[in-house]
N, C-alpha and C. Protein backbone atom coordinates (compact mmCIF):
# COMPACT_ATOMS: atom_id res chain seq x y z
N MET A 1 -21.70 -20.87 -17.36
CA MET A 1 -21.74 -20.26 -16.04
C MET A 1 -20.40 -19.56 -15.76
N THR A 2 -20.45 -18.38 -15.18
CA THR A 2 -19.25 -17.62 -14.87
C THR A 2 -18.51 -18.26 -13.71
N ARG A 3 -17.20 -18.49 -13.92
CA ARG A 3 -16.39 -19.10 -12.86
C ARG A 3 -16.11 -18.07 -11.78
N THR A 4 -16.24 -18.49 -10.54
CA THR A 4 -15.98 -17.60 -9.41
C THR A 4 -14.89 -18.21 -8.53
N ALA A 5 -14.36 -17.40 -7.65
CA ALA A 5 -13.35 -17.90 -6.71
C ALA A 5 -13.45 -17.14 -5.40
N GLY A 6 -13.28 -17.88 -4.34
CA GLY A 6 -13.16 -17.29 -3.01
C GLY A 6 -11.75 -17.57 -2.52
N GLY A 7 -11.29 -16.78 -1.61
CA GLY A 7 -9.93 -16.97 -1.13
C GLY A 7 -9.86 -17.83 0.12
N SER A 8 -8.68 -18.28 0.42
CA SER A 8 -8.45 -19.04 1.66
C SER A 8 -8.61 -18.10 2.85
N ARG A 9 -8.72 -18.70 4.02
CA ARG A 9 -8.82 -17.91 5.24
C ARG A 9 -7.57 -17.03 5.42
N ALA A 10 -6.40 -17.59 5.12
CA ALA A 10 -5.15 -16.83 5.26
C ALA A 10 -5.13 -15.63 4.32
N PHE A 11 -5.59 -15.83 3.08
CA PHE A 11 -5.64 -14.73 2.12
C PHE A 11 -6.62 -13.66 2.58
N ALA A 12 -7.78 -14.08 3.08
CA ALA A 12 -8.78 -13.13 3.57
C ALA A 12 -8.23 -12.32 4.75
N VAL A 13 -7.55 -13.00 5.67
CA VAL A 13 -6.97 -12.31 6.82
C VAL A 13 -5.88 -11.34 6.37
N LEU A 14 -5.08 -11.73 5.38
CA LEU A 14 -4.06 -10.83 4.84
C LEU A 14 -4.71 -9.56 4.30
N LEU A 15 -5.82 -9.70 3.57
CA LEU A 15 -6.52 -8.52 3.04
C LEU A 15 -7.01 -7.63 4.18
N VAL A 16 -7.59 -8.24 5.20
CA VAL A 16 -8.10 -7.46 6.33
C VAL A 16 -6.97 -6.73 7.04
N ILE A 17 -5.85 -7.42 7.26
CA ILE A 17 -4.73 -6.81 7.99
C ILE A 17 -4.08 -5.70 7.17
N THR A 18 -3.80 -5.94 5.88
CA THR A 18 -3.18 -4.89 5.06
C THR A 18 -4.15 -3.72 4.89
N GLY A 19 -5.42 -4.03 4.71
CA GLY A 19 -6.41 -2.96 4.60
C GLY A 19 -6.50 -2.14 5.87
N ALA A 20 -6.47 -2.81 7.03
CA ALA A 20 -6.54 -2.11 8.31
C ALA A 20 -5.30 -1.26 8.55
N ALA A 21 -4.13 -1.79 8.18
CA ALA A 21 -2.88 -1.02 8.34
C ALA A 21 -2.92 0.24 7.47
N GLY A 22 -3.33 0.07 6.21
CA GLY A 22 -3.43 1.23 5.32
C GLY A 22 -4.48 2.22 5.78
N LEU A 23 -5.61 1.71 6.29
CA LEU A 23 -6.68 2.58 6.77
C LEU A 23 -6.22 3.37 8.00
N LEU A 24 -5.52 2.69 8.91
CA LEU A 24 -4.98 3.37 10.09
C LEU A 24 -4.03 4.49 9.68
N ALA A 25 -3.10 4.19 8.77
CA ALA A 25 -2.15 5.20 8.31
C ALA A 25 -2.89 6.37 7.65
N SER A 26 -3.85 6.07 6.80
CA SER A 26 -4.61 7.13 6.12
C SER A 26 -5.39 7.99 7.12
N TRP A 27 -5.95 7.34 8.12
CA TRP A 27 -6.74 8.05 9.13
C TRP A 27 -5.86 9.02 9.92
N VAL A 28 -4.72 8.54 10.40
CA VAL A 28 -3.82 9.39 11.20
C VAL A 28 -3.30 10.55 10.36
N ILE A 29 -2.89 10.27 9.12
CA ILE A 29 -2.38 11.33 8.26
C ILE A 29 -3.47 12.36 7.97
N THR A 30 -4.70 11.89 7.73
CA THR A 30 -5.81 12.81 7.47
C THR A 30 -6.06 13.72 8.67
N ILE A 31 -6.08 13.16 9.86
CA ILE A 31 -6.29 13.97 11.07
C ILE A 31 -5.18 15.00 11.22
N ASP A 32 -3.93 14.55 11.05
CA ASP A 32 -2.80 15.48 11.16
C ASP A 32 -2.84 16.55 10.07
N LYS A 33 -3.30 16.20 8.89
CA LYS A 33 -3.41 17.17 7.80
C LYS A 33 -4.42 18.25 8.17
N PHE A 34 -5.56 17.85 8.74
CA PHE A 34 -6.56 18.83 9.18
C PHE A 34 -5.99 19.74 10.27
N LYS A 35 -5.25 19.16 11.20
CA LYS A 35 -4.63 19.95 12.27
C LYS A 35 -3.62 20.94 11.69
N LEU A 36 -2.89 20.50 10.68
CA LEU A 36 -1.90 21.36 10.03
C LEU A 36 -2.57 22.50 9.27
N LEU A 37 -3.72 22.22 8.69
CA LEU A 37 -4.46 23.28 7.99
C LEU A 37 -5.01 24.31 8.97
N GLU A 38 -5.42 23.85 10.16
CA GLU A 38 -5.93 24.76 11.19
C GLU A 38 -4.81 25.57 11.82
N ASP A 39 -3.66 24.95 12.00
CA ASP A 39 -2.53 25.59 12.67
C ASP A 39 -1.25 25.29 11.90
N PRO A 40 -0.76 26.25 11.11
CA PRO A 40 0.46 26.03 10.31
C PRO A 40 1.69 25.69 11.16
N ASP A 41 1.64 26.00 12.47
CA ASP A 41 2.77 25.69 13.35
C ASP A 41 2.66 24.31 13.99
N PHE A 42 1.58 23.57 13.67
CA PHE A 42 1.38 22.23 14.25
C PHE A 42 2.49 21.30 13.76
N THR A 43 3.02 20.50 14.69
CA THR A 43 4.04 19.50 14.35
C THR A 43 3.45 18.11 14.58
N PRO A 44 3.28 17.31 13.53
CA PRO A 44 2.75 15.96 13.70
C PRO A 44 3.65 15.13 14.62
N GLY A 45 3.04 14.21 15.34
CA GLY A 45 3.77 13.39 16.30
C GLY A 45 4.87 12.55 15.67
N CYS A 46 4.75 12.26 14.37
CA CYS A 46 5.77 11.42 13.74
C CYS A 46 6.88 12.24 13.08
N SER A 47 6.89 13.54 13.34
CA SER A 47 8.02 14.37 12.87
C SER A 47 9.10 14.30 13.93
N LEU A 48 10.05 13.38 13.73
CA LEU A 48 11.04 13.08 14.76
C LEU A 48 12.38 13.77 14.55
N ASN A 49 12.74 14.01 13.29
CA ASN A 49 14.03 14.62 12.97
C ASN A 49 13.96 15.13 11.52
N PRO A 50 15.04 15.66 10.97
CA PRO A 50 14.98 16.19 9.59
C PRO A 50 14.62 15.14 8.53
N VAL A 51 14.91 13.88 8.78
CA VAL A 51 14.61 12.83 7.81
C VAL A 51 13.20 12.30 8.01
N VAL A 52 12.89 11.88 9.22
CA VAL A 52 11.55 11.38 9.53
C VAL A 52 10.71 12.59 9.92
N SER A 53 10.13 13.21 8.91
CA SER A 53 9.43 14.48 9.08
C SER A 53 8.10 14.46 8.34
N CYS A 54 7.08 13.97 9.02
CA CYS A 54 5.77 13.85 8.39
C CYS A 54 5.22 15.20 7.95
N GLY A 55 5.49 16.24 8.75
CA GLY A 55 5.01 17.57 8.41
C GLY A 55 5.53 18.05 7.06
N SER A 56 6.81 17.78 6.78
CA SER A 56 7.40 18.17 5.49
C SER A 56 6.71 17.46 4.34
N VAL A 57 6.40 16.19 4.55
CA VAL A 57 5.74 15.40 3.51
C VAL A 57 4.32 15.92 3.30
N MET A 58 3.59 16.17 4.39
CA MET A 58 2.20 16.62 4.30
C MET A 58 2.06 17.98 3.63
N GLN A 59 3.07 18.82 3.75
CA GLN A 59 3.00 20.16 3.17
C GLN A 59 3.49 20.21 1.73
N SER A 60 3.95 19.10 1.20
CA SER A 60 4.47 19.06 -0.17
C SER A 60 3.32 19.04 -1.18
N ASP A 61 3.63 19.45 -2.40
CA ASP A 61 2.63 19.38 -3.49
C ASP A 61 2.21 17.94 -3.76
N GLN A 62 3.16 17.02 -3.61
CA GLN A 62 2.88 15.61 -3.89
C GLN A 62 1.85 15.01 -2.94
N ALA A 63 1.65 15.64 -1.78
CA ALA A 63 0.72 15.11 -0.78
C ALA A 63 -0.74 15.30 -1.20
N SER A 64 -0.96 16.06 -2.27
CA SER A 64 -2.32 16.24 -2.81
C SER A 64 -2.26 16.07 -4.32
N ALA A 65 -1.85 14.89 -4.75
CA ALA A 65 -1.59 14.63 -6.17
C ALA A 65 -2.82 14.81 -7.05
N PHE A 66 -4.01 14.59 -6.50
CA PHE A 66 -5.24 14.68 -7.30
C PHE A 66 -6.10 15.89 -6.92
N GLY A 67 -5.49 16.84 -6.21
CA GLY A 67 -6.23 18.04 -5.83
C GLY A 67 -6.85 17.96 -4.44
N PHE A 68 -6.69 16.84 -3.78
CA PHE A 68 -7.16 16.66 -2.40
C PHE A 68 -6.11 15.80 -1.69
N PRO A 69 -6.07 15.81 -0.36
CA PRO A 69 -5.04 15.05 0.34
C PRO A 69 -5.06 13.56 -0.02
N ASN A 70 -3.90 13.02 -0.34
CA ASN A 70 -3.77 11.61 -0.74
C ASN A 70 -4.40 10.62 0.24
N PRO A 71 -4.28 10.86 1.57
CA PRO A 71 -4.84 9.86 2.48
C PRO A 71 -6.36 9.72 2.38
N MET A 72 -7.03 10.72 1.83
CA MET A 72 -8.48 10.60 1.65
C MET A 72 -8.79 9.51 0.62
N LEU A 73 -7.93 9.36 -0.36
CA LEU A 73 -8.05 8.26 -1.31
C LEU A 73 -7.82 6.93 -0.59
N GLY A 74 -6.86 6.92 0.32
CA GLY A 74 -6.57 5.73 1.10
C GLY A 74 -7.73 5.31 2.00
N LEU A 75 -8.45 6.29 2.55
CA LEU A 75 -9.59 5.96 3.41
C LEU A 75 -10.62 5.13 2.65
N VAL A 76 -10.82 5.47 1.38
CA VAL A 76 -11.78 4.73 0.55
C VAL A 76 -11.17 3.39 0.10
N ALA A 77 -9.97 3.44 -0.47
CA ALA A 77 -9.36 2.25 -1.06
C ALA A 77 -9.11 1.15 -0.02
N TYR A 78 -8.54 1.51 1.12
CA TYR A 78 -8.26 0.49 2.13
C TYR A 78 -9.55 -0.02 2.78
N GLY A 79 -10.57 0.84 2.83
CA GLY A 79 -11.88 0.38 3.30
C GLY A 79 -12.45 -0.70 2.38
N ILE A 80 -12.26 -0.53 1.08
CA ILE A 80 -12.71 -1.55 0.12
C ILE A 80 -11.95 -2.85 0.34
N VAL A 81 -10.65 -2.76 0.57
CA VAL A 81 -9.83 -3.96 0.80
C VAL A 81 -10.34 -4.72 2.03
N ILE A 82 -10.63 -4.01 3.10
CA ILE A 82 -11.17 -4.65 4.30
C ILE A 82 -12.51 -5.32 3.98
N GLY A 83 -13.35 -4.62 3.21
CA GLY A 83 -14.64 -5.19 2.82
C GLY A 83 -14.50 -6.48 2.04
N VAL A 84 -13.56 -6.53 1.11
CA VAL A 84 -13.33 -7.75 0.33
C VAL A 84 -12.83 -8.86 1.24
N GLY A 85 -11.88 -8.54 2.12
CA GLY A 85 -11.36 -9.54 3.05
C GLY A 85 -12.44 -10.10 3.96
N MET A 86 -13.27 -9.22 4.50
CA MET A 86 -14.35 -9.68 5.39
C MET A 86 -15.37 -10.52 4.62
N SER A 87 -15.64 -10.15 3.37
CA SER A 87 -16.56 -10.93 2.54
C SER A 87 -16.02 -12.34 2.31
N LEU A 88 -14.71 -12.44 2.06
CA LEU A 88 -14.10 -13.75 1.87
C LEU A 88 -14.18 -14.58 3.15
N LEU A 89 -13.97 -13.94 4.29
CA LEU A 89 -14.08 -14.66 5.56
C LEU A 89 -15.49 -15.19 5.77
N ALA A 90 -16.47 -14.48 5.21
CA ALA A 90 -17.87 -14.90 5.33
C ALA A 90 -18.26 -15.93 4.27
N GLY A 91 -17.29 -16.29 3.40
CA GLY A 91 -17.55 -17.33 2.40
C GLY A 91 -17.89 -16.83 1.01
N ALA A 92 -17.69 -15.55 0.75
CA ALA A 92 -18.03 -14.99 -0.57
C ALA A 92 -17.13 -15.54 -1.67
N HIS A 93 -17.69 -15.64 -2.86
CA HIS A 93 -16.96 -15.98 -4.07
C HIS A 93 -17.26 -14.88 -5.09
N PHE A 94 -16.22 -14.45 -5.80
CA PHE A 94 -16.39 -13.38 -6.78
C PHE A 94 -15.99 -13.87 -8.16
N PRO A 95 -16.64 -13.32 -9.21
CA PRO A 95 -16.28 -13.71 -10.58
C PRO A 95 -14.92 -13.16 -10.99
N GLY A 96 -14.40 -13.71 -12.08
CA GLY A 96 -13.09 -13.31 -12.57
C GLY A 96 -12.95 -11.83 -12.84
N TRP A 97 -13.98 -11.22 -13.44
CA TRP A 97 -13.88 -9.78 -13.75
C TRP A 97 -13.70 -8.96 -12.48
N TYR A 98 -14.32 -9.41 -11.38
CA TYR A 98 -14.20 -8.71 -10.11
C TYR A 98 -12.77 -8.77 -9.61
N TRP A 99 -12.16 -9.98 -9.68
CA TRP A 99 -10.79 -10.13 -9.22
C TRP A 99 -9.82 -9.34 -10.09
N ILE A 100 -10.07 -9.31 -11.39
CA ILE A 100 -9.20 -8.53 -12.29
C ILE A 100 -9.32 -7.04 -11.97
N ALA A 101 -10.55 -6.57 -11.73
CA ALA A 101 -10.74 -5.16 -11.38
C ALA A 101 -10.08 -4.85 -10.03
N PHE A 102 -10.20 -5.76 -9.08
CA PHE A 102 -9.58 -5.58 -7.77
C PHE A 102 -8.06 -5.52 -7.90
N ASP A 103 -7.50 -6.41 -8.72
CA ASP A 103 -6.05 -6.41 -8.94
C ASP A 103 -5.61 -5.15 -9.68
N ALA A 104 -6.43 -4.67 -10.60
CA ALA A 104 -6.11 -3.41 -11.30
C ALA A 104 -6.05 -2.25 -10.31
N GLY A 105 -6.97 -2.25 -9.35
CA GLY A 105 -6.92 -1.23 -8.30
C GLY A 105 -5.66 -1.34 -7.47
N CYS A 106 -5.25 -2.58 -7.17
CA CYS A 106 -4.01 -2.81 -6.42
C CYS A 106 -2.79 -2.37 -7.24
N LEU A 107 -2.83 -2.60 -8.55
CA LEU A 107 -1.75 -2.16 -9.44
C LEU A 107 -1.65 -0.63 -9.44
N PHE A 108 -2.80 0.03 -9.52
CA PHE A 108 -2.79 1.50 -9.42
C PHE A 108 -2.18 1.91 -8.08
N GLY A 109 -2.58 1.24 -7.01
CA GLY A 109 -2.08 1.58 -5.68
C GLY A 109 -0.58 1.42 -5.56
N VAL A 110 -0.04 0.30 -6.05
CA VAL A 110 1.40 0.08 -5.93
C VAL A 110 2.17 1.03 -6.85
N GLY A 111 1.58 1.36 -8.00
CA GLY A 111 2.21 2.35 -8.88
C GLY A 111 2.25 3.72 -8.23
N PHE A 112 1.14 4.07 -7.59
CA PHE A 112 1.04 5.38 -6.92
C PHE A 112 2.02 5.47 -5.76
N VAL A 113 2.10 4.42 -4.93
CA VAL A 113 3.03 4.49 -3.80
C VAL A 113 4.48 4.44 -4.28
N SER A 114 4.75 3.79 -5.41
CA SER A 114 6.12 3.80 -5.96
C SER A 114 6.52 5.21 -6.37
N TRP A 115 5.58 5.92 -6.98
CA TRP A 115 5.84 7.33 -7.33
C TRP A 115 6.05 8.15 -6.07
N LEU A 116 5.22 7.94 -5.05
CA LEU A 116 5.36 8.67 -3.79
C LEU A 116 6.68 8.34 -3.10
N GLN A 117 7.13 7.09 -3.20
CA GLN A 117 8.42 6.72 -2.62
C GLN A 117 9.55 7.51 -3.29
N PHE A 118 9.51 7.55 -4.61
CA PHE A 118 10.53 8.31 -5.34
C PHE A 118 10.51 9.78 -4.93
N GLU A 119 9.32 10.36 -4.93
CA GLU A 119 9.18 11.77 -4.57
C GLU A 119 9.66 12.03 -3.15
N SER A 120 9.30 11.15 -2.24
CA SER A 120 9.68 11.31 -0.84
C SER A 120 11.20 11.24 -0.66
N LEU A 121 11.82 10.27 -1.33
CA LEU A 121 13.26 10.08 -1.17
C LEU A 121 14.10 11.13 -1.90
N TYR A 122 13.67 11.51 -3.11
CA TYR A 122 14.56 12.31 -3.96
C TYR A 122 14.06 13.72 -4.29
N ARG A 123 12.84 14.05 -3.93
CA ARG A 123 12.32 15.40 -4.18
C ARG A 123 11.97 16.12 -2.87
N ILE A 124 11.20 15.46 -2.01
CA ILE A 124 10.80 16.06 -0.73
C ILE A 124 11.93 15.93 0.28
N ASN A 125 12.71 14.88 0.16
CA ASN A 125 13.85 14.62 1.06
C ASN A 125 13.42 14.41 2.51
N ALA A 126 12.32 13.70 2.70
CA ALA A 126 11.84 13.39 4.04
C ALA A 126 10.96 12.15 3.96
N LEU A 127 10.84 11.47 5.10
CA LEU A 127 9.99 10.29 5.20
C LEU A 127 8.84 10.54 6.18
N CYS A 128 7.72 9.94 5.90
CA CYS A 128 6.59 9.92 6.82
C CYS A 128 6.41 8.47 7.24
N LEU A 129 6.49 8.19 8.54
CA LEU A 129 6.38 6.80 9.01
C LEU A 129 5.01 6.20 8.69
N TRP A 130 3.96 6.99 8.80
CA TRP A 130 2.63 6.48 8.47
C TRP A 130 2.53 6.17 6.98
N CYS A 131 3.18 6.98 6.17
CA CYS A 131 3.22 6.70 4.72
C CYS A 131 3.94 5.38 4.48
N CYS A 132 5.03 5.16 5.20
CA CYS A 132 5.80 3.91 5.04
C CYS A 132 4.93 2.70 5.38
N LEU A 133 4.07 2.83 6.41
CA LEU A 133 3.16 1.74 6.75
C LEU A 133 2.19 1.48 5.59
N ALA A 134 1.65 2.54 5.01
CA ALA A 134 0.74 2.40 3.87
C ALA A 134 1.48 1.80 2.66
N TRP A 135 2.73 2.20 2.46
CA TRP A 135 3.51 1.64 1.35
C TRP A 135 3.66 0.13 1.52
N ALA A 136 4.06 -0.29 2.73
CA ALA A 136 4.27 -1.72 2.98
C ALA A 136 2.98 -2.51 2.80
N ALA A 137 1.88 -1.98 3.31
CA ALA A 137 0.58 -2.65 3.18
C ALA A 137 0.20 -2.79 1.71
N THR A 138 0.41 -1.75 0.94
CA THR A 138 0.03 -1.75 -0.48
C THR A 138 0.90 -2.73 -1.27
N ILE A 139 2.18 -2.78 -0.98
CA ILE A 139 3.08 -3.70 -1.68
C ILE A 139 2.67 -5.15 -1.40
N LEU A 140 2.44 -5.50 -0.15
CA LEU A 140 2.00 -6.86 0.20
C LEU A 140 0.67 -7.18 -0.48
N LEU A 141 -0.24 -6.25 -0.40
CA LEU A 141 -1.57 -6.43 -1.00
C LEU A 141 -1.46 -6.69 -2.49
N PHE A 142 -0.68 -5.88 -3.20
CA PHE A 142 -0.55 -6.02 -4.64
C PHE A 142 -0.02 -7.40 -5.03
N TRP A 143 1.06 -7.84 -4.39
CA TRP A 143 1.67 -9.10 -4.81
C TRP A 143 0.79 -10.30 -4.49
N TYR A 144 0.10 -10.26 -3.35
CA TYR A 144 -0.74 -11.40 -2.99
C TYR A 144 -2.03 -11.44 -3.81
N VAL A 145 -2.59 -10.30 -4.14
CA VAL A 145 -3.79 -10.29 -5.00
C VAL A 145 -3.40 -10.71 -6.42
N THR A 146 -2.28 -10.21 -6.92
CA THR A 146 -1.82 -10.61 -8.25
C THR A 146 -1.56 -12.11 -8.29
N SER A 147 -0.93 -12.64 -7.25
CA SER A 147 -0.69 -14.07 -7.17
C SER A 147 -2.01 -14.84 -7.22
N PHE A 148 -3.00 -14.37 -6.49
CA PHE A 148 -4.31 -15.03 -6.46
C PHE A 148 -4.94 -15.03 -7.86
N VAL A 149 -4.89 -13.90 -8.53
CA VAL A 149 -5.47 -13.77 -9.88
C VAL A 149 -4.75 -14.69 -10.87
N VAL A 150 -3.43 -14.74 -10.79
CA VAL A 150 -2.65 -15.59 -11.69
C VAL A 150 -2.91 -17.07 -11.41
N ARG A 151 -2.87 -17.46 -10.13
CA ARG A 151 -3.04 -18.87 -9.77
C ARG A 151 -4.44 -19.39 -10.11
N ASN A 152 -5.43 -18.50 -10.07
CA ASN A 152 -6.79 -18.90 -10.42
C ASN A 152 -7.10 -18.73 -11.91
N GLN A 153 -6.08 -18.39 -12.68
CA GLN A 153 -6.16 -18.30 -14.14
C GLN A 153 -7.23 -17.31 -14.64
N PHE A 154 -7.38 -16.20 -13.90
CA PHE A 154 -8.27 -15.15 -14.38
C PHE A 154 -7.58 -14.28 -15.43
N LEU A 155 -6.26 -14.39 -15.48
CA LEU A 155 -5.47 -13.77 -16.53
C LEU A 155 -4.70 -14.89 -17.23
N PRO A 156 -4.56 -14.82 -18.56
CA PRO A 156 -3.81 -15.87 -19.26
C PRO A 156 -2.32 -15.77 -18.91
N THR A 157 -1.81 -16.79 -18.25
CA THR A 157 -0.41 -16.81 -17.84
C THR A 157 0.14 -18.21 -18.03
N PRO A 158 1.45 -18.32 -18.27
CA PRO A 158 2.05 -19.65 -18.43
C PRO A 158 2.03 -20.44 -17.12
N GLY A 159 2.06 -21.75 -17.24
CA GLY A 159 2.02 -22.63 -16.08
C GLY A 159 3.15 -22.39 -15.10
N TRP A 160 4.36 -22.09 -15.62
CA TRP A 160 5.49 -21.89 -14.71
C TRP A 160 5.26 -20.68 -13.80
N LEU A 161 4.56 -19.65 -14.32
CA LEU A 161 4.30 -18.46 -13.50
C LEU A 161 3.28 -18.79 -12.41
N ARG A 162 2.27 -19.59 -12.76
CA ARG A 162 1.30 -20.01 -11.75
C ARG A 162 1.98 -20.84 -10.67
N SER A 163 2.87 -21.73 -11.09
CA SER A 163 3.61 -22.54 -10.11
C SER A 163 4.50 -21.68 -9.23
N PHE A 164 5.17 -20.71 -9.86
CA PHE A 164 6.05 -19.81 -9.11
C PHE A 164 5.27 -19.06 -8.04
N PHE A 165 4.14 -18.46 -8.45
CA PHE A 165 3.34 -17.71 -7.49
C PHE A 165 2.74 -18.63 -6.42
N GLY A 166 2.49 -19.87 -6.79
CA GLY A 166 1.97 -20.81 -5.82
C GLY A 166 2.94 -21.10 -4.68
N GLU A 167 4.22 -20.99 -4.97
CA GLU A 167 5.25 -21.29 -3.97
C GLU A 167 5.97 -20.06 -3.42
N PHE A 168 6.15 -19.05 -4.26
CA PHE A 168 7.11 -17.99 -3.91
C PHE A 168 6.55 -16.57 -3.91
N THR A 169 5.26 -16.40 -3.73
CA THR A 169 4.70 -15.04 -3.65
C THR A 169 5.40 -14.25 -2.56
N TRP A 170 5.65 -14.89 -1.43
CA TRP A 170 6.28 -14.22 -0.30
C TRP A 170 7.67 -13.70 -0.66
N VAL A 171 8.37 -14.42 -1.52
CA VAL A 171 9.73 -14.00 -1.90
C VAL A 171 9.67 -12.69 -2.68
N VAL A 172 8.73 -12.60 -3.62
CA VAL A 172 8.60 -11.39 -4.43
C VAL A 172 8.21 -10.21 -3.54
N ALA A 173 7.27 -10.43 -2.63
CA ALA A 173 6.83 -9.35 -1.73
C ALA A 173 7.97 -8.89 -0.82
N VAL A 174 8.70 -9.84 -0.25
CA VAL A 174 9.82 -9.49 0.64
C VAL A 174 10.92 -8.79 -0.14
N LEU A 175 11.20 -9.25 -1.37
CA LEU A 175 12.21 -8.62 -2.21
C LEU A 175 11.83 -7.17 -2.52
N HIS A 176 10.56 -6.93 -2.86
CA HIS A 176 10.07 -5.58 -3.16
C HIS A 176 10.24 -4.68 -1.93
N LEU A 177 9.80 -5.18 -0.76
CA LEU A 177 9.94 -4.40 0.47
C LEU A 177 11.42 -4.17 0.81
N GLY A 178 12.24 -5.18 0.56
CA GLY A 178 13.67 -5.05 0.83
C GLY A 178 14.33 -3.99 -0.05
N ILE A 179 13.93 -3.93 -1.31
CA ILE A 179 14.48 -2.91 -2.21
C ILE A 179 14.12 -1.52 -1.72
N VAL A 180 12.86 -1.33 -1.32
CA VAL A 180 12.44 -0.03 -0.80
C VAL A 180 13.23 0.30 0.46
N GLY A 181 13.40 -0.69 1.34
CA GLY A 181 14.18 -0.47 2.56
C GLY A 181 15.62 -0.09 2.27
N MET A 182 16.22 -0.75 1.29
CA MET A 182 17.61 -0.43 0.92
C MET A 182 17.72 0.97 0.31
N LEU A 183 16.74 1.35 -0.49
CA LEU A 183 16.75 2.70 -1.06
C LEU A 183 16.68 3.76 0.04
N ILE A 184 15.82 3.50 1.05
CA ILE A 184 15.72 4.43 2.18
C ILE A 184 17.04 4.47 2.94
N LEU A 185 17.60 3.30 3.21
CA LEU A 185 18.85 3.22 3.97
C LEU A 185 19.99 3.92 3.25
N THR A 186 20.14 3.65 1.96
CA THR A 186 21.25 4.26 1.22
C THR A 186 21.03 5.75 0.97
N ARG A 187 19.77 6.18 0.84
CA ARG A 187 19.49 7.61 0.61
C ARG A 187 19.97 8.45 1.78
N TRP A 188 19.79 7.95 3.00
CA TRP A 188 20.17 8.71 4.19
C TRP A 188 21.24 7.99 5.00
N TRP A 189 22.13 7.28 4.33
CA TRP A 189 23.16 6.52 5.02
C TRP A 189 23.99 7.41 5.95
N ASP A 190 24.38 8.57 5.46
CA ASP A 190 25.21 9.47 6.28
C ASP A 190 24.46 9.92 7.53
N PHE A 191 23.16 10.17 7.38
CA PHE A 191 22.35 10.60 8.53
C PHE A 191 22.24 9.49 9.57
N TRP A 192 21.97 8.25 9.09
CA TRP A 192 21.77 7.14 10.02
C TRP A 192 23.06 6.77 10.74
N THR A 193 24.21 6.96 10.07
CA THR A 193 25.48 6.51 10.66
C THR A 193 26.24 7.61 11.36
N SER A 194 25.74 8.83 11.32
CA SER A 194 26.49 9.93 11.99
C SER A 194 26.13 10.05 13.46
């Protein structure tokens, strides 16, 4: 019989919250992108200064990495995350292959946002606050789903790693978010302190 696993209530709520945060960010960016396409002079509400400039990010080539606006991918992906979280809250259990596929999707997501972070900081030279919300949601999602997959032994991993994730998933997630925060802070240190 295929082994299945359902998540704790806290894990399910985390999926719903991170999915909702990412979905909200994707929705707002998509609406602003449509407004920008209709009116090239439109200024998104989150364009606050030369650094926090959502319009600059939306008009970049990187904002349509696959030939369509990136947030449209987020509308689908974060919707799936909410669906999984709600299913867990309803008592669903999924087989190992499902969790591995879900984690692979999260790995793609965190890899994609890492590339977008680099591009935003060092190529576009601007930040989008809604993008930052999606980045944070994706980072949390990736580490907690990976922790779940490792702790439930759906991937072959040593015991010490399962124990580590059992106690310190939050440390890895906070460290990852902290590194991104420090990169943002140091990239525009002169701007923030002037």
